[in-house]
C-alpha cells in the first residue's frame, strides 16, 4: 500500500506477535509467528482474488481471524492452533457457507469459488488490429483493465494483454 508498503491487515498481524500476556481480560498472549505467517498468506490470497479490503483480529486462545470485505460480502478465515482452519462467507445478513477443519488446498478452493460468485466472468475476446484491444464482458474484480485481465487469467482463462 502507498506509504506503509504493507496492507493494514498485515501490519496488524505483525503487532499480534507482540501482544502482552493477559491482553484480553487476563487471557491471551502473543500469537504464534508461524500462524501469523499463514494468516498473511491468506491475506495475499484475498488480494490475488480481488478482495482488497481486509482486516485481522487476534483471539485470546491464540487464533487469528482474517476477513475480506467486498460490498455486502464478508469472507472470514480463522486459523486456530487447536482447531485448524475455518471459513465463513456471508452476503449481507445471510450466511452462505461455513466450513471447518479445512486443509489449505480446500480453503483455496472455497476462496476461489466465492470470488467467482462475486465476479462471474462470462467471456473474453481479442479484436485484431494494429493496437491490441481487450474486450471483456461480465463483471470483473478490478476497475483497472490490466489488473482485471490478470485476475481473470488466474481462473484457467487464457491470459490477455491490455493495450
N, C-alpha and C. Protein backbone atom coordinates (compact mmCIF):
# COMPACT_ATOMS: atom_id res chain seq x y z
N UNK A 1 0.84 -1.17 0.00
CA UNK A 1 0.00 0.00 0.00
C UNK A 1 0.89 1.24 0.00
N UNK A 2 0.37 2.32 -0.49
CA UNK A 2 1.14 3.55 -0.61
C UNK A 2 1.53 4.04 0.77
N UNK A 3 2.78 4.41 0.93
CA UNK A 3 3.25 4.97 2.21
C UNK A 3 3.82 3.91 3.12
N UNK A 4 3.01 2.96 3.51
CA UNK A 4 3.44 1.98 4.50
C UNK A 4 4.14 0.78 3.88
N UNK A 5 3.86 0.48 2.63
CA UNK A 5 4.46 -0.67 1.98
C UNK A 5 3.70 -1.96 2.24
N UNK A 6 2.80 -1.98 3.21
CA UNK A 6 2.04 -3.20 3.52
C UNK A 6 0.59 -2.84 3.81
N UNK A 7 -0.33 -3.74 3.45
CA UNK A 7 -1.72 -3.51 3.80
C UNK A 7 -1.89 -3.44 5.33
N UNK A 8 -2.88 -2.69 5.75
CA UNK A 8 -3.14 -2.50 7.19
C UNK A 8 -3.31 -3.84 7.91
N UNK A 9 -4.03 -4.77 7.30
CA UNK A 9 -4.26 -6.07 7.96
C UNK A 9 -2.94 -6.78 8.24
N UNK A 10 -1.99 -6.69 7.33
CA UNK A 10 -0.69 -7.34 7.53
C UNK A 10 0.10 -6.62 8.61
N UNK A 11 0.01 -5.29 8.64
CA UNK A 11 0.68 -4.55 9.72
C UNK A 11 0.11 -4.96 11.08
N UNK A 12 -1.19 -5.20 11.14
CA UNK A 12 -1.80 -5.64 12.40
C UNK A 12 -1.28 -7.02 12.81
N UNK A 13 -1.12 -7.92 11.83
CA UNK A 13 -0.60 -9.25 12.15
C UNK A 13 0.76 -9.16 12.83
N UNK A 14 1.61 -8.27 12.35
CA UNK A 14 2.93 -8.09 12.94
C UNK A 14 2.80 -7.70 14.42
N UNK A 15 1.84 -6.84 14.71
CA UNK A 15 1.61 -6.40 16.10
C UNK A 15 1.12 -7.55 16.98
N UNK A 16 0.38 -8.50 16.41
CA UNK A 16 -0.16 -9.62 17.20
C UNK A 16 0.95 -10.48 17.80
N UNK A 17 2.11 -10.50 17.20
CA UNK A 17 3.23 -11.27 17.73
C UNK A 17 3.77 -10.65 19.01
N UNK A 18 3.43 -9.40 19.27
CA UNK A 18 3.93 -8.67 20.43
C UNK A 18 2.87 -8.42 21.49
N UNK A 19 1.71 -9.06 21.36
CA UNK A 19 0.65 -8.84 22.36
C UNK A 19 1.14 -9.29 23.74
N UNK A 20 0.83 -8.52 24.79
CA UNK A 20 1.27 -8.91 26.13
C UNK A 20 0.42 -10.05 26.69
N UNK A 21 0.97 -10.80 27.60
CA UNK A 21 0.21 -11.85 28.28
C UNK A 21 -0.97 -11.20 28.99
N UNK A 22 -2.14 -11.82 28.86
CA UNK A 22 -3.34 -11.32 29.53
C UNK A 22 -3.99 -10.13 28.84
N UNK A 23 -3.69 -9.89 27.56
CA UNK A 23 -4.21 -8.71 26.86
C UNK A 23 -5.73 -8.68 26.77
N UNK A 24 -6.39 -9.83 26.88
CA UNK A 24 -7.86 -9.88 26.77
C UNK A 24 -8.47 -10.32 28.10
N UNK A 25 -8.72 -9.36 28.98
CA UNK A 25 -9.33 -9.63 30.29
C UNK A 25 -8.61 -10.74 31.04
N UNK A 26 -7.28 -10.67 31.01
CA UNK A 26 -6.47 -11.64 31.74
C UNK A 26 -6.11 -12.88 30.95
N UNK A 27 -6.63 -13.02 29.75
CA UNK A 27 -6.30 -14.17 28.91
C UNK A 27 -5.59 -13.70 27.65
N UNK A 28 -5.01 -14.64 26.95
CA UNK A 28 -4.35 -14.34 25.68
C UNK A 28 -2.91 -13.96 25.87
N UNK A 29 -2.20 -13.99 24.77
CA UNK A 29 -0.79 -13.64 24.76
C UNK A 29 -0.37 -13.43 23.33
N UNK A 30 0.92 -13.37 23.08
CA UNK A 30 1.37 -13.18 21.70
C UNK A 30 0.92 -14.34 20.82
N UNK A 31 0.60 -14.03 19.58
CA UNK A 31 0.17 -15.04 18.62
C UNK A 31 1.42 -15.65 17.98
N UNK A 32 1.38 -16.97 17.79
CA UNK A 32 2.49 -17.71 17.20
C UNK A 32 2.86 -17.15 15.83
N UNK A 33 4.15 -16.93 15.61
CA UNK A 33 4.62 -16.32 14.37
C UNK A 33 4.34 -17.19 13.13
N UNK A 34 4.40 -18.50 13.27
CA UNK A 34 4.09 -19.36 12.12
C UNK A 34 2.62 -19.21 11.73
N UNK A 35 1.75 -19.15 12.72
CA UNK A 35 0.32 -18.95 12.46
C UNK A 35 0.10 -17.59 11.80
N UNK A 36 0.83 -16.58 12.25
CA UNK A 36 0.72 -15.25 11.66
C UNK A 36 1.19 -15.25 10.21
N UNK A 37 2.24 -16.02 9.91
CA UNK A 37 2.71 -16.15 8.53
C UNK A 37 1.64 -16.79 7.65
N UNK A 38 0.94 -17.79 8.19
CA UNK A 38 -0.15 -18.42 7.44
C UNK A 38 -1.29 -17.44 7.21
N UNK A 39 -1.58 -16.61 8.23
CA UNK A 39 -2.63 -15.60 8.09
C UNK A 39 -2.25 -14.57 7.02
N UNK A 40 -0.97 -14.21 6.98
CA UNK A 40 -0.50 -13.28 5.95
C UNK A 40 -0.67 -13.90 4.56
N UNK A 41 -0.41 -15.19 4.44
CA UNK A 41 -0.61 -15.88 3.15
C UNK A 41 -2.07 -15.80 2.71
N UNK A 42 -3.00 -15.92 3.67
CA UNK A 42 -4.43 -15.83 3.34
C UNK A 42 -4.75 -14.42 2.84
N UNK A 43 -4.20 -13.40 3.49
CA UNK A 43 -4.45 -12.02 3.05
C UNK A 43 -3.92 -11.82 1.63
N UNK A 44 -2.74 -12.37 1.34
CA UNK A 44 -2.21 -12.27 -0.02
C UNK A 44 -3.13 -12.97 -1.02
N UNK A 45 -3.69 -14.11 -0.62
CA UNK A 45 -4.63 -14.81 -1.50
C UNK A 45 -5.88 -13.96 -1.71
N UNK A 46 -6.38 -13.31 -0.65
CA UNK A 46 -7.51 -12.40 -0.82
C UNK A 46 -7.20 -11.39 -1.93
N UNK A 47 -6.02 -10.77 -1.84
CA UNK A 47 -5.63 -9.76 -2.81
C UNK A 47 -5.55 -10.34 -4.21
N UNK A 48 -5.01 -11.54 -4.35
CA UNK A 48 -4.90 -12.17 -5.66
C UNK A 48 -6.27 -12.42 -6.27
N UNK A 49 -7.27 -12.62 -5.42
CA UNK A 49 -8.63 -12.89 -5.89
C UNK A 49 -9.45 -11.61 -6.05
N UNK A 50 -8.82 -10.44 -5.83
CA UNK A 50 -9.52 -9.18 -5.98
C UNK A 50 -10.19 -8.67 -4.73
N UNK A 51 -10.00 -9.36 -3.61
CA UNK A 51 -10.59 -8.95 -2.34
C UNK A 51 -9.57 -8.08 -1.61
N UNK A 52 -9.58 -6.80 -1.92
CA UNK A 52 -8.51 -5.92 -1.46
C UNK A 52 -8.78 -5.20 -0.15
N UNK A 53 -9.99 -5.27 0.37
CA UNK A 53 -10.29 -4.67 1.66
C UNK A 53 -10.29 -5.78 2.70
N UNK A 54 -9.32 -5.74 3.61
CA UNK A 54 -9.20 -6.83 4.59
C UNK A 54 -8.88 -6.28 5.97
N UNK A 55 -9.05 -7.13 6.96
CA UNK A 55 -8.72 -6.79 8.34
C UNK A 55 -8.29 -8.06 9.05
N UNK A 56 -7.73 -7.91 10.24
CA UNK A 56 -7.25 -9.05 11.01
C UNK A 56 -7.58 -8.83 12.48
N UNK A 57 -7.87 -9.94 13.18
CA UNK A 57 -8.25 -9.87 14.59
C UNK A 57 -7.59 -11.01 15.35
N UNK A 58 -7.00 -10.71 16.51
CA UNK A 58 -6.42 -11.79 17.32
C UNK A 58 -7.49 -12.43 18.20
N UNK A 59 -7.26 -13.67 18.59
CA UNK A 59 -8.14 -14.34 19.53
C UNK A 59 -7.40 -14.66 20.81
N UNK A 60 -8.11 -14.65 21.92
CA UNK A 60 -7.49 -14.88 23.23
C UNK A 60 -6.93 -16.30 23.37
N UNK A 61 -7.40 -17.23 22.53
CA UNK A 61 -6.91 -18.61 22.61
C UNK A 61 -5.77 -18.86 21.62
N UNK A 62 -5.21 -17.79 21.06
CA UNK A 62 -4.08 -17.93 20.13
C UNK A 62 -4.47 -18.02 18.68
N UNK A 63 -5.75 -17.86 18.37
CA UNK A 63 -6.20 -17.93 16.99
C UNK A 63 -6.14 -16.54 16.35
N UNK A 64 -6.24 -16.52 15.02
CA UNK A 64 -6.26 -15.28 14.25
C UNK A 64 -7.38 -15.40 13.24
N UNK A 65 -8.15 -14.32 13.11
CA UNK A 65 -9.18 -14.25 12.07
C UNK A 65 -8.78 -13.16 11.09
N UNK A 66 -8.76 -13.52 9.80
CA UNK A 66 -8.55 -12.53 8.75
C UNK A 66 -9.84 -12.46 7.95
N UNK A 67 -10.23 -11.25 7.62
CA UNK A 67 -11.53 -11.03 6.98
C UNK A 67 -11.34 -10.17 5.75
N UNK A 68 -12.02 -10.54 4.68
CA UNK A 68 -12.05 -9.73 3.46
C UNK A 68 -13.48 -9.25 3.27
N UNK A 69 -13.59 -8.04 2.75
CA UNK A 69 -14.90 -7.43 2.52
C UNK A 69 -15.00 -6.98 1.07
N UNK A 70 -16.16 -7.19 0.48
CA UNK A 70 -16.47 -6.61 -0.83
C UNK A 70 -17.97 -6.38 -0.87
N UNK A 71 -18.34 -5.10 -0.93
CA UNK A 71 -19.75 -4.71 -0.90
C UNK A 71 -20.45 -5.40 0.26
N UNK A 72 -21.47 -6.22 -0.01
CA UNK A 72 -22.20 -6.88 1.09
C UNK A 72 -21.56 -8.20 1.52
N UNK A 73 -20.47 -8.60 0.86
CA UNK A 73 -19.82 -9.87 1.16
C UNK A 73 -18.80 -9.72 2.28
N UNK A 74 -18.77 -10.72 3.15
CA UNK A 74 -17.77 -10.80 4.22
C UNK A 74 -17.24 -12.23 4.20
N UNK A 75 -15.93 -12.36 4.02
CA UNK A 75 -15.29 -13.67 3.98
C UNK A 75 -14.31 -13.73 5.13
N UNK A 76 -14.55 -14.63 6.08
CA UNK A 76 -13.70 -14.73 7.27
C UNK A 76 -13.00 -16.08 7.28
N UNK A 77 -11.70 -16.04 7.54
CA UNK A 77 -10.89 -17.25 7.68
C UNK A 77 -10.26 -17.19 9.07
N UNK A 78 -10.52 -18.22 9.85
CA UNK A 78 -9.93 -18.30 11.19
C UNK A 78 -8.89 -19.40 11.21
N UNK A 79 -7.70 -19.05 11.67
CA UNK A 79 -6.61 -20.02 11.82
C UNK A 79 -6.42 -20.23 13.31
N UNK A 80 -6.71 -21.43 13.76
CA UNK A 80 -6.69 -21.76 15.18
C UNK A 80 -5.69 -22.89 15.41
N UNK A 81 -4.74 -22.70 16.33
CA UNK A 81 -3.72 -23.74 16.54
C UNK A 81 -4.30 -25.06 17.05
N UNK A 82 -5.46 -25.03 17.70
CA UNK A 82 -6.08 -26.27 18.19
C UNK A 82 -7.11 -26.85 17.21
N UNK A 83 -7.86 -26.00 16.54
CA UNK A 83 -8.98 -26.44 15.72
C UNK A 83 -8.62 -26.55 14.24
N UNK A 84 -7.69 -25.74 13.77
CA UNK A 84 -7.33 -25.73 12.36
C UNK A 84 -7.91 -24.51 11.67
N UNK A 85 -8.23 -24.68 10.39
CA UNK A 85 -8.70 -23.57 9.56
C UNK A 85 -10.21 -23.66 9.39
N UNK A 86 -10.89 -22.53 9.62
CA UNK A 86 -12.33 -22.47 9.34
C UNK A 86 -12.60 -21.31 8.40
N UNK A 87 -13.73 -21.39 7.72
CA UNK A 87 -14.08 -20.46 6.65
C UNK A 87 -15.55 -20.09 6.79
N UNK A 88 -15.86 -18.81 6.63
CA UNK A 88 -17.24 -18.33 6.67
C UNK A 88 -17.43 -17.30 5.58
N UNK A 89 -18.50 -17.46 4.78
CA UNK A 89 -18.86 -16.47 3.76
C UNK A 89 -20.27 -15.99 4.06
N UNK A 90 -20.42 -14.67 4.20
CA UNK A 90 -21.72 -14.06 4.42
C UNK A 90 -21.97 -13.03 3.33
N UNK A 91 -23.21 -12.94 2.91
CA UNK A 91 -23.63 -11.91 1.97
C UNK A 91 -24.78 -11.17 2.63
N UNK A 92 -24.49 -9.95 3.08
CA UNK A 92 -25.48 -9.21 3.86
C UNK A 92 -25.69 -9.93 5.18
N UNK A 93 -26.95 -10.18 5.50
CA UNK A 93 -27.28 -10.88 6.74
C UNK A 93 -27.38 -12.38 6.55
N UNK A 94 -27.11 -12.87 5.35
CA UNK A 94 -27.27 -14.29 5.05
C UNK A 94 -25.92 -15.01 5.08
N UNK A 95 -25.89 -16.10 5.83
CA UNK A 95 -24.70 -16.95 5.84
C UNK A 95 -24.77 -17.86 4.62
N UNK A 96 -23.77 -17.73 3.75
CA UNK A 96 -23.76 -18.51 2.51
C UNK A 96 -23.11 -19.87 2.69
N UNK A 97 -22.03 -19.89 3.43
CA UNK A 97 -21.27 -21.13 3.58
C UNK A 97 -20.39 -21.03 4.82
N UNK A 98 -20.33 -22.10 5.57
CA UNK A 98 -19.40 -22.19 6.70
C UNK A 98 -18.76 -23.57 6.66
N UNK A 99 -17.44 -23.60 6.72
CA UNK A 99 -16.70 -24.86 6.71
C UNK A 99 -15.67 -24.83 7.81
N UNK A 100 -15.41 -25.97 8.42
CA UNK A 100 -14.43 -26.06 9.49
C UNK A 100 -13.42 -27.16 9.21
N UNK A 101 -12.30 -27.08 9.90
CA UNK A 101 -11.24 -28.08 9.82
C UNK A 101 -10.80 -28.33 8.38
N UNK A 102 -10.49 -27.23 7.68
CA UNK A 102 -10.12 -27.31 6.27
C UNK A 102 -8.62 -27.48 6.08
N UNK A 103 -8.26 -28.11 4.99
CA UNK A 103 -6.87 -28.10 4.56
C UNK A 103 -6.63 -26.79 3.82
N UNK A 104 -5.38 -26.43 3.61
CA UNK A 104 -5.05 -25.22 2.86
C UNK A 104 -5.60 -25.33 1.44
N UNK A 105 -5.49 -26.50 0.83
CA UNK A 105 -5.99 -26.69 -0.55
C UNK A 105 -7.49 -26.46 -0.63
N UNK A 106 -8.25 -26.99 0.32
CA UNK A 106 -9.71 -26.81 0.31
C UNK A 106 -10.06 -25.35 0.59
N UNK A 107 -9.32 -24.69 1.48
CA UNK A 107 -9.55 -23.27 1.74
C UNK A 107 -9.37 -22.47 0.45
N UNK A 108 -8.31 -22.74 -0.29
CA UNK A 108 -8.07 -22.03 -1.55
C UNK A 108 -9.22 -22.26 -2.53
N UNK A 109 -9.72 -23.48 -2.60
CA UNK A 109 -10.87 -23.79 -3.47
C UNK A 109 -12.08 -22.98 -3.06
N UNK A 110 -12.35 -22.92 -1.75
CA UNK A 110 -13.50 -22.17 -1.24
C UNK A 110 -13.37 -20.69 -1.58
N UNK A 111 -12.18 -20.13 -1.39
CA UNK A 111 -11.97 -18.71 -1.69
C UNK A 111 -12.14 -18.44 -3.18
N UNK A 112 -11.64 -19.31 -4.02
CA UNK A 112 -11.80 -19.14 -5.47
C UNK A 112 -13.28 -19.24 -5.86
N UNK A 113 -13.99 -20.17 -5.23
CA UNK A 113 -15.42 -20.33 -5.52
C UNK A 113 -16.17 -19.05 -5.16
N UNK A 114 -15.90 -18.50 -3.98
CA UNK A 114 -16.57 -17.27 -3.56
C UNK A 114 -16.23 -16.12 -4.51
N UNK A 115 -14.96 -16.00 -4.88
CA UNK A 115 -14.56 -14.94 -5.80
C UNK A 115 -15.29 -15.07 -7.14
N UNK A 116 -15.47 -16.31 -7.61
CA UNK A 116 -16.18 -16.50 -8.88
C UNK A 116 -17.67 -16.18 -8.74
N UNK A 117 -18.22 -16.32 -7.53
CA UNK A 117 -19.62 -15.92 -7.30
C UNK A 117 -19.74 -14.40 -7.27
N UNK A 118 -18.75 -13.74 -6.69
CA UNK A 118 -18.79 -12.28 -6.61
C UNK A 118 -18.57 -11.67 -7.98
N UNK A 119 -17.64 -12.22 -8.76
CA UNK A 119 -17.29 -11.70 -10.07
C UNK A 119 -17.48 -12.76 -11.14
N UNK A 120 -18.71 -13.05 -11.55
CA UNK A 120 -18.88 -14.04 -12.62
C UNK A 120 -18.30 -13.48 -13.92
N UNK A 121 -17.48 -14.27 -14.56
CA UNK A 121 -16.83 -13.84 -15.80
C UNK A 121 -17.44 -14.64 -16.93
N UNK A 122 -18.02 -13.93 -17.93
CA UNK A 122 -18.76 -14.65 -18.95
C UNK A 122 -18.04 -14.80 -20.28
N UNK A 123 -17.04 -13.99 -20.58
CA UNK A 123 -16.40 -14.20 -21.87
C UNK A 123 -15.29 -13.20 -22.13
N UNK A 124 -14.36 -13.60 -22.98
CA UNK A 124 -13.21 -12.77 -23.30
C UNK A 124 -12.93 -12.91 -24.78
N UNK A 125 -12.44 -11.83 -25.41
CA UNK A 125 -12.00 -11.92 -26.79
C UNK A 125 -10.97 -10.84 -27.07
N UNK A 126 -10.16 -11.07 -28.08
CA UNK A 126 -9.20 -10.07 -28.52
C UNK A 126 -9.60 -9.67 -29.94
N UNK A 127 -9.73 -8.37 -30.17
CA UNK A 127 -10.03 -7.89 -31.51
C UNK A 127 -8.72 -7.70 -32.25
N UNK A 128 -8.68 -8.12 -33.51
CA UNK A 128 -7.47 -7.95 -34.31
C UNK A 128 -7.39 -6.52 -34.83
N UNK A 129 -6.28 -5.87 -34.56
CA UNK A 129 -5.99 -4.53 -35.07
C UNK A 129 -4.53 -4.26 -34.81
N UNK A 130 -4.06 -3.11 -35.28
CA UNK A 130 -2.66 -2.79 -35.03
C UNK A 130 -2.40 -2.56 -33.54
N UNK A 131 -3.39 -2.08 -32.83
CA UNK A 131 -3.30 -1.97 -31.38
C UNK A 131 -4.18 -3.05 -30.78
N UNK A 132 -3.62 -3.89 -29.95
CA UNK A 132 -4.40 -4.97 -29.35
C UNK A 132 -5.43 -4.37 -28.40
N UNK A 133 -6.67 -4.78 -28.55
CA UNK A 133 -7.75 -4.31 -27.70
C UNK A 133 -8.34 -5.50 -26.99
N UNK A 134 -8.59 -5.35 -25.73
CA UNK A 134 -9.21 -6.42 -24.96
C UNK A 134 -10.66 -6.07 -24.76
N UNK A 135 -11.53 -6.98 -25.13
CA UNK A 135 -12.95 -6.80 -24.91
C UNK A 135 -13.37 -7.83 -23.87
N UNK A 136 -13.93 -7.36 -22.80
CA UNK A 136 -14.31 -8.24 -21.71
C UNK A 136 -15.77 -8.02 -21.41
N UNK A 137 -16.53 -9.11 -21.34
CA UNK A 137 -17.92 -8.98 -20.90
C UNK A 137 -18.03 -9.66 -19.55
N UNK A 138 -18.90 -9.17 -18.74
CA UNK A 138 -19.03 -9.68 -17.37
C UNK A 138 -18.46 -8.66 -16.40
N UNK A 139 -18.64 -8.92 -15.15
CA UNK A 139 -18.15 -8.03 -14.11
C UNK A 139 -16.82 -8.56 -13.61
N UNK A 140 -15.83 -7.71 -13.54
CA UNK A 140 -14.50 -8.13 -13.13
C UNK A 140 -14.14 -7.55 -11.78
N UNK A 141 -13.20 -8.18 -11.08
CA UNK A 141 -12.86 -7.76 -9.73
C UNK A 141 -11.97 -6.53 -9.66
N UNK A 142 -11.80 -5.82 -10.74
CA UNK A 142 -10.95 -4.63 -10.71
C UNK A 142 -11.41 -3.64 -11.75
N UNK A 143 -11.36 -2.36 -11.43
CA UNK A 143 -11.69 -1.33 -12.41
C UNK A 143 -10.53 -1.09 -13.36
N UNK A 144 -9.34 -1.52 -13.00
CA UNK A 144 -8.16 -1.39 -13.84
C UNK A 144 -8.16 -2.54 -14.84
N UNK A 145 -8.29 -2.27 -16.16
CA UNK A 145 -8.39 -3.35 -17.15
C UNK A 145 -7.22 -4.33 -17.11
N UNK A 146 -6.01 -3.82 -16.93
CA UNK A 146 -4.86 -4.72 -16.90
C UNK A 146 -4.94 -5.65 -15.70
N UNK A 147 -5.34 -5.12 -14.54
CA UNK A 147 -5.48 -5.94 -13.34
C UNK A 147 -6.63 -6.93 -13.51
N UNK A 148 -7.74 -6.48 -14.11
CA UNK A 148 -8.88 -7.36 -14.31
C UNK A 148 -8.50 -8.55 -15.18
N UNK A 149 -7.76 -8.29 -16.24
CA UNK A 149 -7.33 -9.37 -17.12
C UNK A 149 -6.39 -10.30 -16.39
N UNK A 150 -5.47 -9.74 -15.59
CA UNK A 150 -4.55 -10.57 -14.81
C UNK A 150 -5.33 -11.46 -13.86
N UNK A 151 -6.28 -10.88 -13.13
CA UNK A 151 -7.05 -11.67 -12.17
C UNK A 151 -7.87 -12.74 -12.89
N UNK A 152 -8.44 -12.39 -14.03
CA UNK A 152 -9.20 -13.36 -14.79
C UNK A 152 -8.32 -14.50 -15.26
N UNK A 153 -7.07 -14.21 -15.58
CA UNK A 153 -6.17 -15.24 -16.08
C UNK A 153 -5.86 -16.28 -15.02
N UNK A 154 -6.10 -15.96 -13.75
CA UNK A 154 -5.84 -16.90 -12.67
C UNK A 154 -6.94 -17.94 -12.55
N UNK A 155 -7.97 -17.85 -13.39
CA UNK A 155 -9.11 -18.78 -13.33
C UNK A 155 -9.14 -19.69 -14.54
N UNK A 156 -7.99 -20.20 -14.97
CA UNK A 156 -7.89 -21.07 -16.12
C UNK A 156 -8.42 -20.44 -17.40
N UNK A 157 -8.30 -19.13 -17.50
CA UNK A 157 -8.68 -18.40 -18.71
C UNK A 157 -7.40 -17.96 -19.37
N UNK A 158 -7.36 -18.04 -20.69
CA UNK A 158 -6.17 -17.64 -21.43
C UNK A 158 -5.81 -16.20 -21.07
N UNK A 159 -4.57 -15.92 -20.65
CA UNK A 159 -4.18 -14.55 -20.30
C UNK A 159 -4.21 -13.65 -21.52
N UNK A 160 -4.64 -12.41 -21.30
CA UNK A 160 -4.71 -11.41 -22.35
C UNK A 160 -3.86 -10.23 -21.94
N UNK A 161 -3.41 -9.46 -22.92
CA UNK A 161 -2.62 -8.27 -22.65
C UNK A 161 -3.41 -7.07 -23.07
N UNK A 162 -3.63 -6.12 -22.16
CA UNK A 162 -4.36 -4.90 -22.49
C UNK A 162 -3.43 -3.92 -23.16
N UNK A 163 -3.96 -3.18 -24.13
CA UNK A 163 -3.16 -2.17 -24.84
C UNK A 163 -3.01 -0.94 -24.00
